[in-house]
Protein backbone atom coordinates (compact mmCIF):
# COMPACT_ATOMS: atom_id res chain seq x y z
CA UNK A 1 49.82 139.96 152.99
CA UNK A 2 52.44 142.76 152.57
CA UNK A 3 55.13 140.62 151.33
CA UNK A 4 55.63 138.02 148.62
CA UNK A 5 55.79 134.34 150.11
CA UNK A 6 58.80 132.34 149.88
CA UNK A 7 59.74 131.32 146.44
CA UNK A 8 60.14 127.79 147.36
CA UNK A 9 56.70 127.53 148.40
CA UNK A 10 55.33 129.31 145.31
CA UNK A 11 57.52 127.04 142.96
CA UNK A 12 56.24 123.92 144.96
CA UNK A 13 52.53 125.12 144.53
CA UNK A 14 52.95 125.89 140.79
CA UNK A 15 54.38 122.52 139.96
CA UNK A 16 51.71 120.70 142.05
CA UNK A 17 49.01 122.88 140.58
CA UNK A 18 50.10 121.93 136.96
CA UNK A 19 50.27 118.30 137.73
CA UNK A 20 47.35 118.29 140.38
CA UNK A 21 49.67 115.72 141.99
CA UNK A 22 52.04 116.18 144.89
CA UNK A 23 54.25 113.07 143.93
CA UNK A 24 54.92 114.35 140.25
CA UNK A 25 55.69 117.91 141.53
CA UNK A 26 58.19 116.32 143.98
CA UNK A 27 59.93 114.38 141.14
CA UNK A 28 60.05 117.63 139.05
CA UNK A 29 61.42 119.60 141.81
CA UNK A 30 63.75 117.01 143.31
CA UNK A 31 62.05 117.21 146.65
CA UNK A 32 60.21 114.83 148.71
CA UNK A 33 56.46 114.43 148.61
CA UNK A 34 56.15 115.64 152.26
CA UNK A 35 58.39 118.57 151.52
CA UNK A 36 56.13 119.68 148.80
CA UNK A 37 53.09 119.23 150.96
CA UNK A 38 54.78 121.09 153.75
CA UNK A 39 55.61 124.08 151.40
CA UNK A 40 52.08 124.11 150.08
CA UNK A 41 50.61 124.16 153.62
CA UNK A 42 53.06 127.22 154.36
CA UNK A 43 51.76 129.02 151.46
CA UNK A 44 48.00 128.26 152.32
CA UNK A 45 48.75 129.70 155.71
CA UNK A 46 49.92 132.84 154.15
CA UNK A 47 47.05 133.18 151.78
CA UNK A 48 44.55 132.34 154.43
CA UNK A 49 42.49 129.93 152.24
CA UNK A 50 43.15 126.32 150.97
CA UNK A 51 44.73 126.07 147.41
CA UNK A 52 43.96 122.33 146.99
CA UNK A 53 40.92 120.24 147.76
CA UNK A 54 42.26 117.01 149.38
CA UNK A 55 40.00 113.95 149.13
CA UNK A 56 40.67 110.18 149.12
CA UNK A 57 44.28 110.45 148.57
CA UNK A 58 43.98 112.65 145.64
CA UNK A 59 44.24 116.55 145.42
CA UNK A 60 42.54 119.04 143.07
CA UNK A 61 42.89 122.74 142.87
CA UNK A 62 40.48 124.82 144.94
CA UNK A 63 38.77 127.85 143.29
CA UNK A 64 41.50 129.99 144.79
CA UNK A 65 44.16 127.81 143.48
CA UNK A 66 42.66 127.85 139.89
CA UNK A 67 42.75 131.59 139.89
CA UNK A 68 46.23 131.79 141.28
CA UNK A 69 47.92 129.17 139.16
CA UNK A 70 47.83 130.82 135.72
CA UNK A 71 49.43 133.96 136.95
CA UNK A 72 52.21 132.07 138.71
CA UNK A 73 52.87 129.85 135.64
CA UNK A 74 53.14 132.72 133.59
CA UNK A 75 55.56 134.42 135.82
CA UNK A 76 57.88 131.42 135.83
CA UNK A 77 57.84 131.24 131.99
CA UNK A 78 58.60 134.94 131.82
CA UNK A 79 61.61 134.57 134.26
CA UNK A 80 62.84 131.52 132.15
CA UNK A 81 62.56 133.46 128.97
CA UNK A 82 64.43 136.52 130.43
CA UNK A 83 67.31 134.22 131.57
CA UNK A 84 67.28 132.39 128.24
CA UNK A 85 67.61 135.78 126.46
CA UNK A 86 70.54 136.74 128.55
CA UNK A 87 72.26 133.48 127.90
CA UNK A 88 71.66 133.89 124.01
CA UNK A 89 73.05 137.40 124.05
CA UNK A 90 76.10 136.13 125.87
CA UNK A 91 76.42 133.30 123.32
CA UNK A 92 76.23 135.55 120.43
CA UNK A 93 74.01 133.18 118.48
CA UNK A 94 71.70 135.09 116.13
CA UNK A 95 68.64 133.15 115.35
CA UNK A 96 66.77 134.23 112.22
CA UNK A 97 63.29 133.10 110.97
CA UNK A 98 62.23 133.76 107.36
CA UNK A 99 59.76 132.53 104.86
CA UNK A 100 60.74 129.63 102.74
CA UNK A 101 60.77 131.68 99.49
CA UNK A 102 62.75 134.54 100.71
CA UNK A 103 65.09 132.81 103.13
CA UNK A 104 66.08 129.90 100.77
CA UNK A 105 66.98 132.28 97.86
CA UNK A 106 67.67 136.09 98.57
CA UNK A 107 68.61 135.74 102.21
CA UNK A 108 70.64 132.65 101.89
CA UNK A 109 72.80 133.72 99.04
CA UNK A 110 73.74 136.94 101.06
CA UNK A 111 73.93 135.95 104.77
CA UNK A 112 77.58 134.75 104.12
CA UNK A 113 78.43 138.42 103.85
CA UNK A 114 76.98 139.19 107.28
CA UNK A 115 79.06 136.26 108.60
CA UNK A 116 82.23 137.65 107.15
CA UNK A 117 81.56 141.03 108.57
CA UNK A 118 80.75 139.74 111.95
CA UNK A 119 82.68 136.51 112.41
CA UNK A 120 82.13 136.55 116.24
CA UNK A 121 78.33 136.11 115.64
CA UNK A 122 76.91 132.67 114.73
CA UNK A 123 73.94 132.64 112.57
CA UNK A 124 71.12 130.07 112.85
CA UNK A 125 68.49 130.50 110.22
CA UNK A 126 65.22 128.55 110.07
CA UNK A 127 62.78 128.65 107.16
CA UNK A 128 59.00 128.53 107.78
CA UNK A 129 55.88 130.04 106.30
CA UNK A 130 54.24 130.11 109.81
CA UNK A 131 54.08 133.37 111.80
CA UNK A 132 56.19 132.77 114.78
CA UNK A 133 55.46 133.93 118.33
CA UNK A 134 58.70 135.46 119.93
CA UNK A 135 57.26 134.77 123.35
CA UNK A 136 57.27 130.91 122.61
CA UNK A 137 60.33 130.66 120.52
CA UNK A 138 64.12 131.18 120.69
CA UNK A 139 64.17 133.32 117.50
CA UNK A 140 65.90 136.84 117.91
CA UNK A 141 64.42 138.23 114.66
CA UNK A 142 61.91 137.14 111.90
CA UNK A 143 61.56 138.29 108.28
CA UNK A 144 57.81 138.90 107.84
CA UNK A 145 55.50 140.07 105.17
CA UNK A 146 52.57 142.46 105.97
CA UNK A 147 51.69 146.09 106.73
CA UNK A 148 54.54 146.40 109.30
CA UNK A 149 52.59 146.98 112.40
CA UNK A 150 52.48 144.32 115.08
CA UNK A 151 51.92 144.85 118.72
CA UNK A 152 55.10 144.73 120.80
CA UNK A 153 57.48 144.58 117.80
CA UNK A 154 59.85 146.71 116.15
CA UNK A 155 59.80 146.56 112.30
CA UNK A 156 62.46 147.48 109.92
CA UNK A 157 61.41 148.04 106.47
CA UNK A 158 63.20 146.12 103.68
CA UNK A 159 61.27 146.38 100.43
CA UNK A 160 57.67 146.18 99.24
CA UNK A 161 56.37 142.87 97.96
CA UNK A 162 56.25 142.86 94.23
CA UNK A 163 55.31 140.43 91.56
CA UNK A 164 55.79 139.95 87.86
CA UNK A 165 55.37 136.88 85.63
CA UNK A 166 58.71 134.89 85.32
CA UNK A 167 59.39 131.91 83.09
CA UNK A 168 62.15 130.14 81.33
CA UNK A 169 63.69 131.53 78.05
CA UNK A 170 62.75 128.42 76.20
CA UNK A 171 58.97 128.67 77.52
CA UNK A 172 58.90 132.46 76.28
CA UNK A 173 60.05 131.77 72.89
CA UNK A 174 58.07 128.51 72.37
CA UNK A 175 54.94 130.29 73.24
CA UNK A 176 55.73 133.73 71.40
CA UNK A 177 54.95 135.82 74.50
CA UNK A 178 55.38 139.30 73.43
CA UNK A 179 52.39 141.15 74.85
CA UNK A 180 50.84 141.02 78.44
CA UNK A 181 47.52 139.43 77.23
CA UNK A 182 49.56 136.49 75.57
CA UNK A 183 50.02 135.09 79.05
CA UNK A 184 46.22 134.56 79.29
CA UNK A 185 46.65 131.68 76.64
CA UNK A 186 49.59 129.79 78.32
CA UNK A 187 49.91 127.64 81.23
CA UNK A 188 50.12 129.62 84.49
CA UNK A 189 51.08 128.46 87.97
CA UNK A 190 48.38 129.01 90.58
CA UNK A 191 45.98 130.39 87.80
CA UNK A 192 43.08 131.21 90.33
CA UNK A 193 45.35 133.46 92.50
CA UNK A 194 43.65 136.90 92.58
CA UNK A 195 47.19 138.46 92.27
CA UNK A 196 47.16 137.49 88.63
CA UNK A 197 44.18 139.76 88.21
CA UNK A 198 46.08 142.60 89.91
CA UNK A 199 49.09 142.14 87.58
CA UNK A 200 46.93 142.08 84.65
CA UNK A 201 45.28 145.27 85.61
CA UNK A 202 48.61 146.88 86.29
CA UNK A 203 49.53 145.77 82.70
CA UNK A 204 46.56 147.40 81.04
CA UNK A 205 44.95 144.13 80.18
CA UNK A 206 41.10 144.94 80.51
CA UNK A 207 39.77 141.43 80.06
CA UNK A 208 40.56 139.45 83.26
CA UNK A 209 41.16 135.80 82.96
CA UNK A 210 38.10 133.49 83.69
CA UNK A 211 38.21 131.34 86.69
CA UNK A 212 40.15 128.13 86.03
CA UNK A 213 40.82 124.80 87.73
CA UNK A 214 43.71 124.13 85.58
CA UNK A 215 47.42 124.70 86.56
CA UNK A 216 49.90 123.81 89.13
CA UNK A 217 49.73 124.88 92.68
CA UNK A 218 52.82 125.20 94.96
CA UNK A 219 53.55 126.08 98.61
CA UNK A 220 56.20 128.63 97.81
CA UNK A 221 58.16 130.37 95.06
CA UNK A 222 61.07 127.86 95.52
CA UNK A 223 58.83 125.33 94.09
CA UNK A 224 57.49 127.62 91.33
CA UNK A 225 60.99 128.56 90.35
CA UNK A 226 62.11 125.08 89.82
CA UNK A 227 59.07 124.16 87.50
CA UNK A 228 59.45 127.37 85.84
CA UNK A 229 63.21 126.60 84.83
CA UNK A 230 62.08 123.39 83.49
CA UNK A 231 59.72 125.21 81.15
CA UNK A 232 56.35 123.99 82.64
CA UNK A 233 54.83 127.29 82.86
CA UNK A 234 54.92 130.91 83.87
CA UNK A 235 54.73 131.99 87.55
CA UNK A 236 53.88 135.14 89.20
CA UNK A 237 57.07 135.57 91.35
CA UNK A 238 59.15 138.23 93.07
CA UNK A 239 62.04 139.42 90.75
CA UNK A 240 64.29 140.52 93.68
CA UNK A 241 64.33 137.04 95.05
CA UNK A 242 65.24 135.52 91.73
CA UNK A 243 67.85 138.26 90.69
CA UNK A 244 70.62 135.71 90.11
CA UNK A 245 68.64 133.41 88.06
CA UNK A 246 67.33 136.28 85.99
CA UNK A 247 70.77 137.90 85.48
CA UNK A 248 72.22 134.54 84.53
CA UNK A 249 69.45 133.90 82.04
CA UNK A 250 68.00 130.77 83.63
CA UNK A 251 64.76 132.64 84.18
CA UNK A 252 63.44 135.59 82.25
CA UNK A 253 61.01 138.41 83.24
CA UNK A 254 59.06 139.26 79.96
CA UNK A 255 57.61 142.61 81.15
CA UNK A 256 58.65 145.30 83.40
CA UNK A 257 55.08 145.82 84.90
CA UNK A 258 55.05 144.90 88.62
CA UNK A 259 52.13 144.13 90.85
CA UNK A 260 52.54 145.75 94.27
CA UNK A 261 49.72 144.39 96.55
CA UNK A 262 50.34 146.96 99.32
CA UNK A 263 52.43 144.99 101.61
CA UNK A 264 56.24 144.66 102.43
CA UNK A 265 58.83 142.52 103.86
CA UNK A 266 60.08 143.56 107.35
CA UNK A 267 62.69 142.60 109.85
CA UNK A 268 60.97 142.40 113.13
CA UNK A 269 61.93 141.64 116.72
CA UNK A 270 60.43 142.43 120.07
CA UNK A 271 60.72 146.07 121.38
CA UNK A 272 62.30 144.77 124.52
CA UNK A 273 65.34 143.58 122.45
CA UNK A 274 66.21 147.18 120.97
CA UNK A 275 69.94 147.79 121.44
CA UNK A 276 70.90 144.14 121.40
CA UNK A 277 74.20 144.24 119.61
CA UNK A 278 73.77 141.11 117.18
CA UNK A 279 70.11 142.49 116.28
CA UNK A 280 71.49 145.99 115.74
CA UNK A 281 74.39 144.57 113.54
CA UNK A 282 71.75 142.64 111.39
CA UNK A 283 69.63 145.76 110.89
CA UNK A 284 72.76 147.48 109.58
CA UNK A 285 73.66 144.88 107.39
CA UNK A 286 70.19 144.65 105.82
CA UNK A 287 70.43 148.34 104.95
CA UNK A 288 73.56 147.67 103.12
CA UNK A 289 72.24 144.80 101.23
CA UNK A 290 69.28 146.78 100.16
CA UNK A 291 71.50 149.38 98.66
CA UNK A 292 73.22 146.63 96.54
CA UNK A 293 69.83 145.88 95.16
CA UNK A 294 68.35 149.26 94.70
CA UNK A 295 69.21 149.74 91.08
CA UNK A 296 67.77 146.49 90.02
CA UNK A 297 64.01 147.44 90.72
CA UNK A 298 61.78 150.70 90.33
CA UNK A 299 62.04 153.17 93.01
CA UNK A 300 58.43 152.31 94.15
CA UNK A 301 59.62 149.06 95.52
CA UNK A 302 61.83 150.76 97.92
CA UNK A 303 59.24 153.17 99.11
CA UNK A 304 58.21 152.47 102.68
CA UNK A 305 54.31 152.08 103.15
């Protein structure tokens, strides 16, 4: 077979194969059942072997049909995604996915500046701690934490992940926290998180805190910050994300010491989307925003991995 079969016949087979039912395929395609059957017969003639086993008014994929169906379904999904991407680019809607902690604080308080700079680009932002699959979603970019190497994605370094104890001014004064080891004796959120050990080591505290079942456990820093503001404990959080609260005095960072676990935040998108205008404008904007924050943190936070 030196040429591709007619697309109508291929489409009819793909729909009938997914449903293993000619009637349901006909409904999906807006055709008659007879027309679907005819198109599949034509395709079987081209292939030279049956694609369905027909018995007692029902049909099942043959061995050849089962081998052929996944490739054809994947091809139709790829074509659908390609056309959807073109439509999305034309509509100039920039869809961003970010983690709850970063997106609801640092990014949300700044994204308005991007909108003012590019009023012709509409922004749609979704917050989730789940890693998205670009092939199965409509997002243009995502903000991810990690080492920055993902197959098929271009990664733009933003800043290294960094953590330091943060609490309310009242909590700090009430518990007389003046040395790093004083934190061992107070209520710590997620006390069993190994990153606490990392911070204590960075702060020169030789004695590591013993395992404990006490303490609050939260899903994200947004919840931790709310509890910390109320004076319920001290949280190991990212100072940059809470810069406004720290500068306003709603939260305090008792010590300069940072724990850097060796990962970073990245803006990522499929390599196939390199050069798309709205994505390139976002990359440029992120670089400018990083410059605004550079003096707030030690230089090591801004050093790429």
